Amino acid sequence: MYKREFEGLLKANKAPKSTLLYGACAYQNNVLAQQLLTLLNAGSEEKVMMYFDEYNFSSAKNFLSQSSLFGDRNILIVKTDKTIPTKEIETLVGLCTKNDSSYFIYQYFGEDKKATPLTKLFDKQNEGAFVRLFKAEFNEAIQLLHNHAHAIGLSIDRYALQHLYMIHTEDLSLCVNECEKLLVLNREIGINDINTLVYGLGSVSMDHFITKLLEKKDIKEEFERLVEGDGVEEIRIINAIQAHVTQLFLFHAYIKLNGAFDAKAILGYPLPPQLAAQRSQHSIKIDLATYHKLSNLLIDAEYRLKKMGNVEKTSYLLSRLIKLQSSL
């Protein structure tokens, strides 16, 4: 089912006996698991959590098999990037179906395709549910960050949240960690704080890197810092560049049609005035034929990074980016 359907179950105070959470967003996976635990009002003595290699079938089975004379529950949470064998899941789900006091939450952080065959085990017949989580759309992601900031008491304006999200290449988990750190300042956080305190400590702003790339400046040093220092995966760099180029094309098309730019009308959300003006200027410098060429080059690079296992990804990506600059 979709995330919204699952949230509807929780709002209706209906907790599945067995739940599988998987997909592209680890942050939302953890948020939904916590919402389910909150609904169950689970005490620490009622929960057993098994992280990654801690999972043990015999221990999990014994825990869910327990019955209680005092109304306590047996809530098993397994967090792992490995798939549990089908027969073992069948047993654990079956125990929860038969035992009124047992619940199973399986948080899977591996490849989606490996989890898909398991979804049939978490069906309505077994009083189960499964949720595949997709990467949040931009406005949804910012709202999730806003909700988290509000929950922990962090005062931060929307522009700063947008800036933080772009700096961390649209990774919600990294942004949430930064919010926790910024809380110690005990004041409202703005864009300048993000510039100074987040990537001002040595990491590279993805937005700044892409701007240098499209301005045909030397990117080798910052590229190395992104990949080796900040540990950003090659495919995430490609995806960030694709999103940036798409955004520039939208600005270009809007300006051609209307003679001026309006960031909110173009993107569906406002940008800081200085950043919006920069996007406008950069977008017009690229003609339509070049946008087409850049798009094809990036799509091809993404495909090869995903499919060709014998490629040295860092060197390959850098060569593609240099070729991209030669196309400008």
Protein backbone atom coordinates (compact mmCIF):
# COMPACT_ATOMS: atom_id res chain seq x y z
CA MET A 1 0.00 0.00 0.00
CA TYR A 2 0.98 3.63 -0.26
CA LYS A 3 2.24 5.68 2.66
CA ARG A 4 -0.99 7.70 2.82
CA GLU A 5 -3.11 4.53 3.19
CA PHE A 6 -0.89 3.29 6.00
CA GLU A 7 -1.10 6.64 7.78
CA GLY A 8 -4.89 6.36 7.44
CA LEU A 9 -4.78 3.02 9.26
CA LEU A 10 -2.79 4.55 12.08
CA LYS A 11 -5.15 7.52 12.37
CA ALA A 12 -8.04 5.04 12.62
CA ASN A 13 -6.16 3.37 15.52
CA LYS A 14 -5.69 0.16 13.52
CA ALA A 15 -2.29 -1.42 14.08
CA PRO A 16 -1.36 -4.27 11.69
CA LYS A 17 -0.11 -7.41 13.42
CA SER A 18 2.84 -7.57 10.97
CA THR A 19 4.27 -4.65 9.01
CA LEU A 20 6.91 -4.43 6.28
CA LEU A 21 8.41 -0.98 5.61
CA TYR A 22 10.81 -0.62 2.67
CA GLY A 23 11.75 1.70 -0.18
CA ALA A 24 13.82 4.73 -1.11
CA CYS A 25 13.59 6.82 2.07
CA ALA A 26 15.17 5.58 5.30
CA TYR A 27 13.95 8.63 7.21
CA GLN A 28 10.28 8.00 6.39
CA ASN A 29 10.79 4.31 7.19
CA ASN A 30 11.88 5.23 10.71
CA VAL A 31 9.13 7.84 11.12
CA LEU A 32 6.35 5.37 10.22
CA ALA A 33 7.82 2.71 12.51
CA GLN A 34 7.87 5.21 15.37
CA GLN A 35 4.27 6.27 14.66
CA LEU A 36 3.22 2.60 14.80
CA LEU A 37 5.04 2.10 18.10
CA THR A 38 3.39 5.25 19.47
CA LEU A 39 -0.04 3.88 18.49
CA LEU A 40 0.79 0.60 20.27
CA ASN A 41 1.97 2.64 23.27
CA ALA A 42 4.77 0.13 23.63
CA GLY A 43 6.70 0.02 26.87
CA SER A 44 10.43 -0.74 26.76
CA GLU A 45 9.86 -4.11 28.43
CA GLU A 46 7.45 -5.12 25.62
CA LYS A 47 9.87 -4.48 22.75
CA VAL A 48 12.79 -6.41 21.34
CA MET A 49 14.85 -4.60 18.68
CA MET A 50 17.25 -6.48 16.41
CA TYR A 51 19.60 -4.31 14.35
CA PHE A 52 21.17 -5.65 11.14
CA ASP A 53 23.36 -8.67 12.07
CA GLU A 54 21.68 -9.01 15.47
CA TYR A 55 18.70 -10.75 13.87
CA ASN A 56 18.35 -14.34 15.08
CA PHE A 57 15.40 -16.43 13.95
CA SER A 58 15.30 -18.68 17.00
CA SER A 59 15.26 -15.71 19.40
CA ALA A 60 12.65 -13.86 17.31
CA LYS A 61 10.41 -16.94 17.16
CA ASN A 62 10.65 -17.61 20.90
CA PHE A 63 9.84 -13.98 21.72
CA LEU A 64 6.72 -13.83 19.51
CA SER A 65 5.56 -17.22 20.79
CA GLN A 66 5.26 -15.99 24.37
CA SER A 67 1.80 -15.55 25.84
CA SER A 68 0.99 -13.11 28.61
CA LEU A 69 -1.31 -13.38 31.58
CA PHE A 70 -1.05 -9.66 32.34
CA GLY A 71 -1.90 -8.00 29.01
CA ASP A 72 1.72 -7.32 28.00
CA ARG A 73 2.64 -7.43 24.30
CA ASN A 74 5.52 -8.93 22.37
CA ILE A 75 6.65 -6.34 19.80
CA LEU A 76 9.55 -7.39 17.60
CA ILE A 77 11.31 -4.74 15.49
CA VAL A 78 13.91 -5.91 12.97
CA LYS A 79 16.01 -3.24 11.22
CA THR A 80 18.25 -4.64 8.50
CA ASP A 81 19.49 -4.23 4.94
CA LYS A 82 19.31 -8.00 4.42
CA THR A 83 16.22 -9.98 3.50
CA ILE A 84 14.94 -12.49 6.02
CA PRO A 85 14.34 -15.94 4.45
CA THR A 86 10.75 -16.42 3.29
CA LYS A 87 10.09 -19.44 5.53
CA GLU A 88 11.23 -17.50 8.59
CA ILE A 89 8.98 -14.54 7.74
CA GLU A 90 6.05 -16.91 7.22
CA THR A 91 6.63 -18.30 10.72
CA LEU A 92 6.99 -14.89 12.39
CA VAL A 93 3.92 -13.45 10.62
CA GLY A 94 1.94 -16.61 11.45
CA LEU A 95 2.82 -16.32 15.14
CA CYS A 96 1.54 -12.73 15.19
CA THR A 97 -1.69 -13.78 13.46
CA LYS A 98 -2.35 -16.48 16.05
CA ASN A 99 -1.11 -14.60 19.13
CA ASP A 100 -3.19 -11.56 20.07
CA SER A 101 -0.30 -10.05 22.03
CA SER A 102 2.40 -10.32 19.31
CA TYR A 103 3.42 -7.73 16.68
CA PHE A 104 6.20 -7.82 14.07
CA ILE A 105 7.71 -4.69 12.43
CA TYR A 106 10.22 -5.41 9.67
CA GLN A 107 12.18 -2.29 8.59
CA TYR A 108 14.09 -3.21 5.45
CA PHE A 109 16.78 -0.83 4.13
CA GLY A 110 18.15 -2.86 1.21
CA GLU A 111 17.26 -2.96 -2.49
CA ASP A 112 13.56 -2.57 -3.27
CA LYS A 113 13.50 -5.46 -5.74
CA LYS A 114 14.63 -7.90 -3.05
CA ALA A 115 11.77 -6.90 -0.75
CA THR A 116 9.01 -6.99 -3.36
CA PRO A 117 8.52 -10.81 -3.27
CA LEU A 118 8.07 -10.60 0.52
CA THR A 119 5.11 -8.22 0.34
CA LYS A 120 2.64 -11.04 -0.33
CA LEU A 121 3.37 -12.40 3.17
CA PHE A 122 2.18 -9.15 4.76
CA ASP A 123 -1.38 -9.30 3.42
CA LYS A 124 -4.79 -8.63 4.97
CA GLN A 125 -5.40 -12.33 5.46
CA ASN A 126 -2.47 -12.34 7.89
CA GLU A 127 -3.60 -9.01 9.41
CA GLY A 128 -0.51 -7.47 7.89
CA ALA A 129 0.47 -4.42 5.86
CA PHE A 130 3.40 -3.40 3.69
CA VAL A 131 4.45 0.10 2.63
CA ARG A 132 6.84 0.95 -0.18
CA LEU A 133 8.33 4.38 0.45
CA PHE A 134 9.39 6.65 -2.40
CA LYS A 135 11.63 9.69 -2.28
CA ALA A 136 9.60 12.63 -1.02
CA GLU A 137 8.62 15.33 -3.53
CA PHE A 138 10.41 18.60 -2.75
CA ASN A 139 7.56 20.37 -0.95
CA GLU A 140 6.70 17.21 1.00
CA ALA A 141 10.34 16.82 2.05
CA ILE A 142 10.52 20.41 3.29
CA GLN A 143 7.25 19.89 5.18
CA LEU A 144 8.67 16.74 6.81
CA LEU A 145 11.74 18.72 7.89
CA HIS A 146 9.53 21.55 9.15
CA ASN A 147 7.48 19.05 11.17
CA HIS A 148 10.62 17.56 12.68
CA ALA A 149 12.08 20.98 13.51
CA HIS A 150 8.80 21.97 15.20
CA ALA A 151 8.71 18.70 17.16
CA ILE A 152 12.19 19.22 18.62
CA GLY A 153 11.68 22.95 19.21
CA LEU A 154 14.02 24.25 16.49
CA SER A 155 13.12 27.63 15.01
CA ILE A 156 14.30 27.70 11.37
CA ASP A 157 12.88 29.57 8.38
CA ARG A 158 11.73 27.80 5.22
CA TYR A 159 14.52 29.21 3.04
CA ALA A 160 17.09 27.79 5.45
CA LEU A 161 15.38 24.38 5.39
CA GLN A 162 15.40 24.41 1.57
CA HIS A 163 19.07 25.37 1.57
CA LEU A 164 19.91 22.62 4.07
CA TYR A 165 18.01 20.04 2.00
CA MET A 166 19.87 20.97 -1.20
CA ILE A 167 23.26 21.03 0.55
CA HIS A 168 22.72 17.47 1.74
CA THR A 169 21.69 16.36 -1.77
CA GLU A 170 18.07 15.85 -0.72
CA ASP A 171 18.88 13.34 2.01
CA LEU A 172 16.29 13.73 4.78
CA SER A 173 18.23 11.67 7.33
CA LEU A 174 21.30 13.92 7.06
CA CYS A 175 19.12 17.04 7.32
CA VAL A 176 17.41 15.74 10.46
CA ASN A 177 20.81 15.09 12.06
CA GLU A 178 21.83 18.69 11.28
CA CYS A 179 18.61 20.00 12.86
CA GLU A 180 19.50 18.19 16.08
CA LYS A 181 22.93 19.86 16.08
CA LEU A 182 21.56 23.34 15.28
CA LEU A 183 19.18 23.10 18.23
CA VAL A 184 22.06 23.86 20.63
CA LEU A 185 22.24 27.44 19.28
CA ASN A 186 18.90 28.14 21.00
CA ARG A 187 17.81 30.78 18.45
CA GLU A 188 16.19 31.07 15.04
CA ILE A 189 18.29 29.58 12.24
CA GLY A 190 18.69 31.34 8.87
CA ILE A 191 20.51 30.71 5.61
CA ASN A 192 23.72 32.34 6.85
CA ASP A 193 23.83 29.87 9.74
CA ILE A 194 23.55 26.98 7.27
CA ASN A 195 26.36 28.44 5.15
CA THR A 196 28.60 28.96 8.16
CA LEU A 197 27.83 25.93 10.30
CA VAL A 198 26.89 23.17 7.90
CA TYR A 199 29.09 23.16 4.81
CA GLY A 200 31.32 25.95 6.11
CA LEU A 201 33.18 23.25 8.07
CA GLY A 202 34.86 21.72 5.02
CA SER A 203 32.15 19.91 3.10
CA VAL A 204 31.08 20.99 -0.37
CA SER A 205 27.76 22.58 -1.25
CA MET A 206 26.24 20.48 -4.04
CA ASP A 207 24.57 23.59 -5.44
CA HIS A 208 27.90 25.45 -5.50
CA PHE A 209 29.60 22.46 -7.15
CA ILE A 210 26.97 22.22 -9.91
CA THR A 211 27.17 25.97 -10.54
CA LYS A 212 30.94 25.70 -11.04
CA LEU A 213 30.39 22.71 -13.31
CA LEU A 214 27.96 24.61 -15.56
CA GLU A 215 30.18 27.69 -15.57
CA LYS A 216 32.97 25.47 -16.97
CA LYS A 217 35.27 26.09 -14.02
CA ASP A 218 37.75 23.56 -12.62
CA ILE A 219 35.74 21.08 -10.51
CA LYS A 220 38.32 18.35 -9.82
CA GLU A 221 39.22 19.41 -6.25
CA GLU A 222 35.61 19.86 -5.14
CA PHE A 223 34.60 16.64 -6.89
CA GLU A 224 37.19 14.74 -4.86
CA ARG A 225 35.96 16.37 -1.65
CA LEU A 226 32.38 15.40 -2.47
CA VAL A 227 33.17 11.76 -3.17
CA GLU A 228 36.06 11.06 -0.80
CA GLY A 229 35.57 13.63 1.96
CA ASP A 230 31.78 13.84 2.20
CA GLY A 231 31.15 10.30 0.95
CA VAL A 232 28.51 11.31 -1.61
CA GLU A 233 27.69 8.42 -3.97
CA GLU A 234 28.28 8.95 -7.68
CA ILE A 235 24.67 8.24 -8.61
CA ARG A 236 23.47 10.91 -6.17
CA ILE A 237 25.76 13.46 -7.80
CA ILE A 238 24.31 12.60 -11.22
CA ASN A 239 20.74 12.84 -9.88
CA ALA A 240 21.48 16.23 -8.27
CA ILE A 241 22.89 17.57 -11.55
CA GLN A 242 19.85 16.24 -13.45
CA ALA A 243 17.50 18.01 -11.01
CA HIS A 244 19.49 21.25 -11.33
CA VAL A 245 19.55 21.17 -15.14
CA THR A 246 15.82 20.40 -15.23
CA GLN A 247 15.19 23.37 -12.96
CA LEU A 248 17.24 25.64 -15.24
CA PHE A 249 15.27 24.41 -18.26
CA LEU A 250 11.99 25.24 -16.49
CA PHE A 251 13.28 28.76 -15.82
CA HIS A 252 14.41 29.06 -19.44
CA ALA A 253 11.02 27.97 -20.84
CA TYR A 254 9.05 30.22 -18.47
CA ILE A 255 11.16 33.28 -19.28
CA LYS A 256 10.82 32.64 -23.03
CA LEU A 257 7.03 32.47 -22.65
CA ASN A 258 6.52 35.28 -20.14
CA GLY A 259 9.51 37.58 -20.50
CA ALA A 260 10.36 37.36 -16.79
CA PHE A 261 10.79 34.72 -14.09
CA ASP A 262 8.62 33.81 -11.10
CA ALA A 263 10.27 31.08 -9.02
CA LYS A 264 7.06 30.09 -7.21
CA ALA A 265 5.12 29.79 -10.47
CA ILE A 266 7.96 27.77 -12.04
CA LEU A 267 8.80 25.41 -9.18
CA GLY A 268 5.74 25.51 -6.96
CA TYR A 269 7.74 27.00 -4.08
CA PRO A 270 9.69 30.26 -3.59
CA LEU A 271 13.47 30.61 -3.70
CA PRO A 272 15.57 33.24 -1.93
CA PRO A 273 15.60 36.27 -4.30
CA GLN A 274 19.35 36.10 -4.93
CA LEU A 275 19.21 32.38 -5.78
CA ALA A 276 16.16 32.83 -8.03
CA ALA A 277 17.95 35.60 -9.95
CA GLN A 278 21.02 33.39 -10.34
CA ARG A 279 18.88 30.52 -11.70
CA SER A 280 17.30 32.93 -14.17
CA GLN A 281 20.64 34.23 -15.45
CA HIS A 282 22.15 30.76 -15.82
CA SER A 283 19.07 29.32 -17.53
CA ILE A 284 19.07 31.84 -20.39
CA LYS A 285 22.76 31.26 -21.17
CA ILE A 286 21.97 27.69 -22.29
CA ASP A 287 20.08 27.17 -25.55
CA LEU A 288 17.48 24.43 -26.17
CA ALA A 289 19.81 22.22 -28.22
CA THR A 290 22.35 22.24 -25.41
CA TYR A 291 19.67 21.36 -22.81
CA HIS A 292 18.78 18.35 -24.97
CA LYS A 293 22.44 17.34 -25.24
CA LEU A 294 23.01 17.70 -21.47
CA SER A 295 19.91 15.68 -20.68
CA ASN A 296 20.97 12.79 -22.93
CA LEU A 297 24.50 12.79 -21.55
CA LEU A 298 23.27 12.67 -17.93
CA ILE A 299 20.71 9.93 -18.65
CA ASP A 300 23.39 7.82 -20.33
CA ALA A 301 25.82 8.36 -17.42
CA GLU A 302 23.13 7.39 -14.90
CA TYR A 303 22.32 4.22 -16.84
CA ARG A 304 25.96 3.14 -17.07
CA LEU A 305 26.64 3.84 -13.38
CA LYS A 306 23.67 1.66 -12.43
CA LYS A 307 24.19 -1.19 -14.90
CA MET A 308 27.91 -1.58 -15.55
CA GLY A 309 29.50 -3.34 -12.60
CA ASN A 310 33.03 -3.32 -14.05
CA VAL A 311 33.25 0.48 -14.20
CA GLU A 312 35.47 2.46 -11.79
CA LYS A 313 32.61 4.79 -10.95
CA THR A 314 34.49 7.83 -9.62
CA SER A 315 36.82 8.09 -12.63
CA TYR A 316 33.97 7.39 -15.05
CA LEU A 317 31.74 10.10 -13.55
CA LEU A 318 34.51 12.69 -13.58
CA SER A 319 35.18 11.95 -17.27
CA ARG A 320 31.43 12.37 -18.02
CA LEU A 321 31.34 15.69 -16.19
CA ILE A 322 34.33 16.97 -18.11
CA LYS A 323 32.60 15.94 -21.34
CA LEU A 324 29.45 17.72 -20.13
CA GLN A 325 31.46 20.92 -19.70
CA SER A 326 32.77 20.59 -23.25
CA SER A 327 29.16 20.50 -24.48
CA LEU A 328 28.34 23.88 -22.97
